[in-house]
Amino acid sequence: MKLQLTQCTQQDLVRLREFIAIKNPQAAKRYSQRLKKHISKLLDHPAMGHPVEELPGVRELVAGDYVVRYIVLNDELTVLRIWHGKEAWP
């Protein structure tokens, strides 16, 4: 399975890492690595996340403190957005 990140997802990753790095650059690196590890697990287990009722075809994975929304089409998993659980849905 191929992994695709939308431009919004790439911006989300930068934004989240920069926010943590303000107080603790090492923690930002750790959180980033953990989040990427959770996302890579989706490649082997794309049904790990639960369906999002109001968005047909979209699934959601809670990865620690973060929420990852994604879709799977054919042999491609596309991560749509990522945000911290305390943030409002972007």
PDB file of N, CA and C in Angstrom:
ATOM      1  N   MET A   1       0.847  -1.184   0.000  1.00  0.00           N
ATOM      2  CA  MET A   1       0.000   0.000   0.000  1.00  0.00           C
ATOM      3  C   MET A   1       0.888   1.242   0.000  1.00  0.00           C
ATOM      4  N   LYS A   2       0.447   2.241  -0.737  1.00  0.00           N
ATOM      5  CA  LYS A   2       1.193   3.488  -0.870  1.00  0.00           C
ATOM      6  C   LYS A   2       0.608   4.536   0.086  1.00  0.00           C
ATOM      7  N   LEU A   3       1.476   5.327   0.705  1.00  0.00           N
ATOM      8  CA  LEU A   3       1.060   6.395   1.618  1.00  0.00           C
ATOM      9  C   LEU A   3       1.126   7.734   0.908  1.00  0.00           C
ATOM     10  N   GLN A   4       0.067   8.509   1.043  1.00  0.00           N
ATOM     11  CA  GLN A   4      -0.007   9.846   0.463  1.00  0.00           C
ATOM     12  C   GLN A   4      -0.392  10.831   1.564  1.00  0.00           C
ATOM     13  N   LEU A   5       0.308  11.951   1.648  1.00  0.00           N
ATOM     14  CA  LEU A   5      -0.035  13.018   2.595  1.00  0.00           C
ATOM     15  C   LEU A   5      -0.516  14.218   1.799  1.00  0.00           C
ATOM     16  N   THR A   6      -1.664  14.759   2.178  1.00  0.00           N
ATOM     17  CA  THR A   6      -2.134  15.964   1.500  1.00  0.00           C
ATOM     18  C   THR A   6      -1.260  17.146   1.919  1.00  0.00           C
ATOM     19  N   GLN A   7      -1.374  18.228   1.186  1.00  0.00           N
ATOM     20  CA  GLN A   7      -0.624  19.431   1.539  1.00  0.00           C
ATOM     21  C   GLN A   7      -1.058  19.913   2.932  1.00  0.00           C
ATOM     22  N   CYS A   8      -2.345  19.822   3.229  1.00  0.00           N
ATOM     23  CA  CYS A   8      -2.841  20.216   4.562  1.00  0.00           C
ATOM     24  C   CYS A   8      -2.213  19.352   5.647  1.00  0.00           C
ATOM     25  N   THR A   9      -2.074  18.058   5.378  1.00  0.00           N
ATOM     26  CA  THR A   9      -1.464  17.150   6.350  1.00  0.00           C
ATOM     27  C   THR A   9      -0.010  17.532   6.598  1.00  0.00           C
ATOM     28  N   GLN A  10       0.703  17.838   5.542  1.00  0.00           N
ATOM     29  CA  GLN A  10       2.103  18.239   5.697  1.00  0.00           C
ATOM     30  C   GLN A  10       2.204  19.513   6.529  1.00  0.00           C
ATOM     31  N   GLN A  11       1.293  20.449   6.302  1.00  0.00           N
ATOM     32  CA  GLN A  11       1.270  21.681   7.095  1.00  0.00           C
ATOM     33  C   GLN A  11       0.900  21.385   8.546  1.00  0.00           C
ATOM     34  N   ASP A  12      -0.023  20.432   8.749  1.00  0.00           N
ATOM     35  CA  ASP A  12      -0.399  20.037  10.111  1.00  0.00           C
ATOM     36  C   ASP A  12       0.805  19.503  10.867  1.00  0.00           C
ATOM     37  N   LEU A  13       1.577  18.634  10.219  1.00  0.00           N
ATOM     38  CA  LEU A  13       2.750  18.048  10.878  1.00  0.00           C
ATOM     39  C   LEU A  13       3.761  19.121  11.271  1.00  0.00           C
ATOM     40  N   VAL A  14       3.991  20.065  10.390  1.00  0.00           N
ATOM     41  CA  VAL A  14       4.931  21.159  10.683  1.00  0.00           C
ATOM     42  C   VAL A  14       4.386  22.006  11.838  1.00  0.00           C
ATOM     43  N   ARG A  15       3.109  22.350  11.771  1.00  0.00           N
ATOM     44  CA  ARG A  15       2.492  23.192  12.801  1.00  0.00           C
ATOM     45  C   ARG A  15       2.559  22.522  14.176  1.00  0.00           C
ATOM     46  N   LEU A  16       2.218  21.248  14.235  1.00  0.00           N
ATOM     47  CA  LEU A  16       2.224  20.533  15.511  1.00  0.00           C
ATOM     48  C   LEU A  16       3.637  20.423  16.079  1.00  0.00           C
ATOM     49  N   ARG A  17       4.581  20.110  15.218  1.00  0.00           N
ATOM     50  CA  ARG A  17       5.971  19.980  15.680  1.00  0.00           C
ATOM     51  C   ARG A  17       6.517  21.327  16.153  1.00  0.00           C
ATOM     52  N   GLU A  18       6.247  22.389  15.416  1.00  0.00           N
ATOM     53  CA  GLU A  18       6.732  23.716  15.812  1.00  0.00           C
ATOM     54  C   GLU A  18       6.121  24.165  17.137  1.00  0.00           C
ATOM     55  N   PHE A  19       4.853  23.848  17.356  1.00  0.00           N
ATOM     56  CA  PHE A  19       4.190  24.226  18.599  1.00  0.00           C
ATOM     57  C   PHE A  19       4.870  23.576  19.799  1.00  0.00           C
ATOM     58  N   ILE A  20       5.173  22.290  19.689  1.00  0.00           N
ATOM     59  CA  ILE A  20       5.839  21.574  20.791  1.00  0.00           C
ATOM     60  C   ILE A  20       7.280  22.046  20.940  1.00  0.00           C
ATOM     61  N   ALA A  21       7.943  22.299  19.828  1.00  0.00           N
ATOM     62  CA  ALA A  21       9.363  22.672  19.839  1.00  0.00           C
ATOM     63  C   ALA A  21       9.624  23.990  20.552  1.00  0.00           C
ATOM     64  N   ILE A  22       8.620  24.836  20.651  1.00  0.00           N
ATOM     65  CA  ILE A  22       8.798  26.113  21.347  1.00  0.00           C
ATOM     66  C   ILE A  22       9.280  25.865  22.773  1.00  0.00           C
ATOM     67  N   LYS A  23       8.689  24.882  23.435  1.00  0.00           N
ATOM     68  CA  LYS A  23       9.066  24.590  24.824  1.00  0.00           C
ATOM     69  C   LYS A  23      10.056  23.443  24.958  1.00  0.00           C
ATOM     70  N   ASN A  24      10.007  22.492  23.989  1.00  0.00           N
ATOM     71  CA  ASN A  24      10.849  21.318  24.141  1.00  0.00           C
ATOM     72  C   ASN A  24      11.141  20.680  22.769  1.00  0.00           C
ATOM     73  N   PRO A  25      12.238  21.070  22.147  1.00  0.00           N
ATOM     74  CA  PRO A  25      12.577  20.537  20.825  1.00  0.00           C
ATOM     75  C   PRO A  25      12.722  19.010  20.796  1.00  0.00           C
ATOM     76  N   GLN A  26      13.260  18.430  21.855  1.00  0.00           N
ATOM     77  CA  GLN A  26      13.424  16.968  21.900  1.00  0.00           C
ATOM     78  C   GLN A  26      12.067  16.272  21.949  1.00  0.00           C
ATOM     79  N   ALA A  27      11.132  16.835  22.709  1.00  0.00           N
ATOM     80  CA  ALA A  27       9.784  16.255  22.776  1.00  0.00           C
ATOM     81  C   ALA A  27       9.100  16.361  21.417  1.00  0.00           C
ATOM     82  N   ALA A  28       9.326  17.452  20.712  1.00  0.00           N
ATOM     83  CA  ALA A  28       8.738  17.627  19.378  1.00  0.00           C
ATOM     84  C   ALA A  28       9.217  16.519  18.447  1.00  0.00           C
ATOM     85  N   LYS A  29      10.481  16.197  18.528  1.00  0.00           N
ATOM     86  CA  LYS A  29      11.036  15.131  17.697  1.00  0.00           C
ATOM     87  C   LYS A  29      10.421  13.782  18.067  1.00  0.00           C
ATOM     88  N   ARG A  30      10.291  13.509  19.372  1.00  0.00           N
ATOM     89  CA  ARG A  30       9.705  12.241  19.829  1.00  0.00           C
ATOM     90  C   ARG A  30       8.250  12.106  19.384  1.00  0.00           C
ATOM     91  N   TYR A  31       7.460  13.167  19.574  1.00  0.00           N
ATOM     92  CA  TYR A  31       6.053  13.125  19.172  1.00  0.00           C
ATOM     93  C   TYR A  31       5.922  12.920  17.671  1.00  0.00           C
ATOM     94  N   SER A  32       6.757  13.583  16.916  1.00  0.00           N
ATOM     95  CA  SER A  32       6.730  13.457  15.463  1.00  0.00           C
ATOM     96  C   SER A  32       7.034  12.017  15.045  1.00  0.00           C
ATOM     97  N   GLN A  33       8.038  11.420  15.655  1.00  0.00           N
ATOM     98  CA  GLN A  33       8.397  10.038  15.333  1.00  0.00           C
ATOM     99  C   GLN A  33       7.282   9.073  15.714  1.00  0.00           C
ATOM    100  N   ARG A  34       6.666   9.264  16.887  1.00  0.00           N
ATOM    101  CA  ARG A  34       5.563   8.396  17.310  1.00  0.00           C
ATOM    102  C   ARG A  34       4.378   8.503  16.365  1.00  0.00           C
ATOM    103  N   LEU A  35       4.066   9.716  15.975  1.00  0.00           N
ATOM    104  CA  LEU A  35       2.939   9.938  15.072  1.00  0.00           C
ATOM    105  C   LEU A  35       3.194   9.259  13.719  1.00  0.00           C
ATOM    106  N   LYS A  36       4.394   9.384  13.211  1.00  0.00           N
ATOM    107  CA  LYS A  36       4.737   8.743  11.947  1.00  0.00           C
ATOM    108  C   LYS A  36       4.671   7.214  12.071  1.00  0.00           C
ATOM    109  N   LYS A  37       5.044   6.689  13.235  1.00  0.00           N
ATOM    110  CA  LYS A  37       4.981   5.247  13.470  1.00  0.00           C
ATOM    111  C   LYS A  37       3.524   4.767  13.445  1.00  0.00           C
ATOM    112  N   HIS A  38       2.625   5.515  14.083  1.00  0.00           N
ATOM    113  CA  HIS A  38       1.198   5.168  14.064  1.00  0.00           C
ATOM    114  C   HIS A  38       0.666   5.172  12.634  1.00  0.00           C
ATOM    115  N   ILE A  39       1.037   6.193  11.882  1.00  0.00           N
ATOM    116  CA  ILE A  39       0.567   6.310  10.500  1.00  0.00           C
ATOM    117  C   ILE A  39       1.103   5.157   9.660  1.00  0.00           C
ATOM    118  N   SER A  40       2.348   4.777   9.861  1.00  0.00           N
ATOM    119  CA  SER A  40       2.918   3.686   9.064  1.00  0.00           C
ATOM    120  C   SER A  40       2.225   2.357   9.373  1.00  0.00           C
ATOM    121  N   LYS A  41       1.716   2.187  10.595  1.00  0.00           N
ATOM    122  CA  LYS A  41       0.973   0.965  10.935  1.00  0.00           C
ATOM    123  C   LYS A  41      -0.308   0.859  10.113  1.00  0.00           C
ATOM    124  N   LEU A  42      -0.861   2.004   9.738  1.00  0.00           N
ATOM    125  CA  LEU A  42      -2.076   1.998   8.926  1.00  0.00           C
ATOM    126  C   LEU A  42      -1.842   1.344   7.564  1.00  0.00           C
ATOM    127  N   LEU A  43      -0.628   1.398   7.070  1.00  0.00           N
ATOM    128  CA  LEU A  43      -0.340   0.797   5.770  1.00  0.00           C
ATOM    129  C   LEU A  43      -0.578  -0.711   5.791  1.00  0.00           C
ATOM    130  N   ASP A  44      -0.284  -1.341   6.915  1.00  0.00           N
ATOM    131  CA  ASP A  44      -0.520  -2.783   7.052  1.00  0.00           C
ATOM    132  C   ASP A  44      -1.924  -3.093   7.562  1.00  0.00           C
ATOM    133  N   HIS A  45      -2.512  -2.143   8.292  1.00  0.00           N
ATOM    134  CA  HIS A  45      -3.827  -2.353   8.906  1.00  0.00           C
ATOM    135  C   HIS A  45      -4.715  -1.138   8.667  1.00  0.00           C
ATOM    136  N   PRO A  46      -5.131  -0.895   7.432  1.00  0.00           N
ATOM    137  CA  PRO A  46      -5.881   0.328   7.117  1.00  0.00           C
ATOM    138  C   PRO A  46      -7.246   0.438   7.811  1.00  0.00           C
ATOM    139  N   ALA A  47      -7.787  -0.675   8.280  1.00  0.00           N
ATOM    140  CA  ALA A  47      -9.088  -0.626   8.969  1.00  0.00           C
ATOM    141  C   ALA A  47      -8.932  -0.380  10.460  1.00  0.00           C
ATOM    142  N   MET A  48      -7.721  -0.076  10.910  1.00  0.00           N
ATOM    143  CA  MET A  48      -7.459   0.173  12.328  1.00  0.00           C
ATOM    144  C   MET A  48      -8.301   1.327  12.868  1.00  0.00           C
ATOM    145  N   GLY A  49      -8.424   2.367  12.104  1.00  0.00           N
ATOM    146  CA  GLY A  49      -9.218   3.517  12.526  1.00  0.00           C
ATOM    147  C   GLY A  49     -10.699   3.220  12.361  1.00  0.00           C
ATOM    148  N   HIS A  50     -11.524   3.993  13.042  1.00  0.00           N
ATOM    149  CA  HIS A  50     -12.965   3.771  12.919  1.00  0.00           C
ATOM    150  C   HIS A  50     -13.569   4.720  11.880  1.00  0.00           C
ATOM    151  N   PRO A  51     -14.675   4.296  11.254  1.00  0.00           N
ATOM    152  CA  PRO A  51     -15.317   5.162  10.260  1.00  0.00           C
ATOM    153  C   PRO A  51     -15.852   6.449  10.890  1.00  0.00           C
ATOM    154  N   VAL A  52     -15.788   7.533  10.149  1.00  0.00           N
ATOM    155  CA  VAL A  52     -16.343   8.814  10.579  1.00  0.00           C
ATOM    156  C   VAL A  52     -17.747   8.899   9.982  1.00  0.00           C
ATOM    157  N   GLU A  53     -18.758   8.831  10.850  1.00  0.00           N
ATOM    158  CA  GLU A  53     -20.155   8.757  10.393  1.00  0.00           C
ATOM    159  C   GLU A  53     -20.540   9.847   9.406  1.00  0.00           C
ATOM    160  N   GLU A  54     -20.184  11.084   9.732  1.00  0.00           N
ATOM    161  CA  GLU A  54     -20.621  12.208   8.905  1.00  0.00           C
ATOM    162  C   GLU A  54     -19.812  12.383   7.625  1.00  0.00           C
ATOM    163  N   LEU A  55     -18.758  11.592   7.460  1.00  0.00           N
ATOM    164  CA  LEU A  55     -17.911  11.694   6.269  1.00  0.00           C
ATOM    165  C   LEU A  55     -17.713  10.300   5.660  1.00  0.00           C
ATOM    166  N   PRO A  56     -18.606   9.881   4.791  1.00  0.00           N
ATOM    167  CA  PRO A  56     -18.507   8.537   4.208  1.00  0.00           C
ATOM    168  C   PRO A  56     -17.141   8.288   3.560  1.00  0.00           C
ATOM    169  N   GLY A  57     -16.576   7.124   3.857  1.00  0.00           N
ATOM    170  CA  GLY A  57     -15.287   6.739   3.286  1.00  0.00           C
ATOM    171  C   GLY A  57     -14.090   7.216   4.084  1.00  0.00           C
ATOM    172  N   VAL A  58     -14.321   8.119   5.040  1.00  0.00           N
ATOM    173  CA  VAL A  58     -13.225   8.659   5.856  1.00  0.00           C
ATOM    174  C   VAL A  58     -13.134   7.854   7.148  1.00  0.00           C
ATOM    175  N   ARG A  59     -11.908   7.547   7.533  1.00  0.00           N
ATOM    176  CA  ARG A  59     -11.659   6.834   8.795  1.00  0.00           C
ATOM    177  C   ARG A  59     -10.835   7.738   9.704  1.00  0.00           C
ATOM    178  N   GLU A  60     -10.864   7.426  10.997  1.00  0.00           N
ATOM    179  CA  GLU A  60     -10.180   8.249  11.994  1.00  0.00           C
ATOM    180  C   GLU A  60      -9.416   7.338  12.947  1.00  0.00           C
ATOM    181  N   LEU A  61      -8.168   7.670  13.168  1.00  0.00           N
ATOM    182  CA  LEU A  61      -7.325   6.933  14.102  1.00  0.00           C
ATOM    183  C   LEU A  61      -6.901   7.891  15.201  1.00  0.00           C
ATOM    184  N   VAL A  62      -7.111   7.475  16.440  1.00  0.00           N
ATOM    185  CA  VAL A  62      -6.603   8.248  17.573  1.00  0.00           C
ATOM    186  C   VAL A  62      -5.226   7.674  17.875  1.00  0.00           C
ATOM    187  N   ALA A  63      -4.211   8.512  17.718  1.00  0.00           N
ATOM    188  CA  ALA A  63      -2.817   8.108  17.890  1.00  0.00           C
ATOM    189  C   ALA A  63      -2.230   8.898  19.053  1.00  0.00           C
ATOM    190  N   GLY A  64      -2.361   8.360  20.253  1.00  0.00           N
ATOM    191  CA  GLY A  64      -1.919   9.092  21.438  1.00  0.00           C
ATOM    192  C   GLY A  64      -2.802  10.309  21.631  1.00  0.00           C
ATOM    193  N   ASP A  65      -2.202  11.488  21.617  1.00  0.00           N
ATOM    194  CA  ASP A  65      -2.947  12.743  21.799  1.00  0.00           C
ATOM    195  C   ASP A  65      -3.455  13.310  20.474  1.00  0.00           C
ATOM    196  N   TYR A  66      -3.222  12.619  19.384  1.00  0.00           N
ATOM    197  CA  TYR A  66      -3.512  13.162  18.059  1.00  0.00           C
ATOM    198  C   TYR A  66      -4.610  12.382  17.345  1.00  0.00           C
ATOM    199  N   VAL A  67      -5.273  13.061  16.441  1.00  0.00           N
ATOM    200  CA  VAL A  67      -6.317  12.454  15.625  1.00  0.00           C
ATOM    201  C   VAL A  67      -5.853  12.511  14.173  1.00  0.00           C
ATOM    202  N   VAL A  68      -5.934  11.376  13.511  1.00  0.00           N
ATOM    203  CA  VAL A  68      -5.510  11.263  12.110  1.00  0.00           C
ATOM    204  C   VAL A  68      -6.726  10.851  11.294  1.00  0.00           C
ATOM    205  N   ARG A  69      -7.111  11.657  10.328  1.00  0.00           N
ATOM    206  CA  ARG A  69      -8.210  11.299   9.420  1.00  0.00           C
ATOM    207  C   ARG A  69      -7.618  10.927   8.074  1.00  0.00           C
ATOM    208  N   TYR A  70      -8.149   9.833   7.513  1.00  0.00           N
ATOM    209  CA  TYR A  70      -7.593   9.304   6.280  1.00  0.00           C
ATOM    210  C   TYR A  70      -8.648   8.579   5.462  1.00  0.00           C
ATOM    211  N   ILE A  71      -8.311   8.336   4.204  1.00  0.00           N
ATOM    212  CA  ILE A  71      -9.150   7.534   3.324  1.00  0.00           C
ATOM    213  C   ILE A  71      -8.267   6.471   2.674  1.00  0.00           C
ATOM    214  N   VAL A  72      -8.903   5.378   2.298  1.00  0.00           N
ATOM    215  CA  VAL A  72      -8.211   4.321   1.576  1.00  0.00           C
ATOM    216  C   VAL A  72      -8.957   4.093   0.270  1.00  0.00           C
ATOM    217  N   LEU A  73      -8.253   4.267  -0.838  1.00  0.00           N
ATOM    218  CA  LEU A  73      -8.807   4.020  -2.163  1.00  0.00           C
ATOM    219  C   LEU A  73      -7.841   3.132  -2.924  1.00  0.00           C
ATOM    220  N   ASN A  74      -8.365   2.005  -3.367  1.00  0.00           N
ATOM    221  CA  ASN A  74      -7.544   1.024  -4.080  1.00  0.00           C
ATOM    222  C   ASN A  74      -6.348   0.656  -3.213  1.00  0.00           C
ATOM    223  N   ASP A  75      -5.156   0.910  -3.678  1.00  0.00           N
ATOM    224  CA  ASP A  75      -3.961   0.535  -2.918  1.00  0.00           C
ATOM    225  C   ASP A  75      -3.243   1.774  -2.383  1.00  0.00           C
ATOM    226  N   GLU A  76      -4.018   2.818  -2.065  1.00  0.00           N
ATOM    227  CA  GLU A  76      -3.425   4.068  -1.584  1.00  0.00           C
ATOM    228  C   GLU A  76      -4.143   4.568  -0.331  1.00  0.00           C
ATOM    229  N   LEU A  77      -3.374   4.866   0.697  1.00  0.00           N
ATOM    230  CA  LEU A  77      -3.891   5.441   1.931  1.00  0.00           C
ATOM    231  C   LEU A  77      -3.500   6.917   1.941  1.00  0.00           C
ATOM    232  N   THR A  78      -4.495   7.793   1.977  1.00  0.00           N
ATOM    233  CA  THR A  78      -4.241   9.234   1.961  1.00  0.00           C
ATOM    234  C   THR A  78      -4.620   9.818   3.313  1.00  0.00           C
ATOM    235  N   VAL A  79      -3.645  10.416   3.981  1.00  0.00           N
ATOM    236  CA  VAL A  79      -3.904  11.100   5.251  1.00  0.00           C
ATOM    237  C   VAL A  79      -4.406  12.492   4.909  1.00  0.00           C
ATOM    238  N   LEU A  80      -5.613  12.798   5.391  1.00  0.00           N
ATOM    239  CA  LEU A  80      -6.265  14.063   5.064  1.00  0.00           C
ATOM    240  C   LEU A  80      -5.878  15.189   6.002  1.00  0.00           C
ATOM    241  N   ARG A  81      -5.929  14.920   7.306  1.00  0.00           N
ATOM    242  CA  ARG A  81      -5.621  15.949   8.319  1.00  0.00           C
ATOM    243  C   ARG A  81      -5.128  15.268   9.585  1.00  0.00           C
ATOM    244  N   ILE A  82      -4.363  16.007  10.378  1.00  0.00           N
ATOM    245  CA  ILE A  82      -3.892  15.568  11.693  1.00  0.00           C
ATOM    246  C   ILE A  82      -4.005  16.751  12.633  1.00  0.00           C
ATOM    247  N   TRP A  83      -4.513  16.518  13.832  1.00  0.00           N
ATOM    248  CA  TRP A  83      -4.586  17.585  14.817  1.00  0.00           C
ATOM    249  C   TRP A  83      -4.514  17.002  16.214  1.00  0.00           C
ATOM    250  N   HIS A  84      -4.193  17.838  17.172  1.00  0.00           N
ATOM    251  CA  HIS A  84      -4.151  17.440  18.576  1.00  0.00           C
ATOM    252  C   HIS A  84      -5.582  17.293  19.060  1.00  0.00           C
ATOM    253  N   GLY A  85      -5.808  16.292  19.912  1.00  0.00           N
ATOM    254  CA  GLY A  85      -7.150  16.006  20.402  1.00  0.00           C
ATOM    255  C   GLY A  85      -7.822  17.160  21.124  1.00  0.00           C
ATOM    256  N   LYS A  86      -7.033  18.097  21.650  1.00  0.00           N
ATOM    257  CA  LYS A  86      -7.614  19.248  22.354  1.00  0.00           C
ATOM    258  C   LYS A  86      -7.949  20.390  21.403  1.00  0.00           C
ATOM    259  N   GLU A  87      -7.524  20.271  20.161  1.00  0.00           N
ATOM    260  CA  GLU A  87      -7.855  21.275  19.150  1.00  0.00           C
ATOM    261  C   GLU A  87      -9.233  20.963  18.582  1.00  0.00           C
ATOM    262  N   ALA A  88      -9.868  21.984  18.064  1.00  0.00           N
ATOM    263  CA  ALA A  88     -11.113  21.763  17.334  1.00  0.00           C
ATOM    264  C   ALA A  88     -10.768  21.171  15.978  1.00  0.00           C
ATOM    265  N   TRP A  89     -11.697  20.418  15.397  1.00  0.00           N
ATOM    266  CA  TRP A  89     -11.485  19.871  14.054  1.00  0.00           C
ATOM    267  C   TRP A  89     -11.193  21.027  13.102  1.00  0.00           C
ATOM    268  N   PRO A  90     -10.042  20.961  12.420  1.00  0.00           N
ATOM    269  CA  PRO A  90      -9.619  22.087  11.566  1.00  0.00           C
ATOM    270  C   PRO A  90     -10.522  22.327  10.380  1.00  0.00           C
TER     271      PRO A  90
END
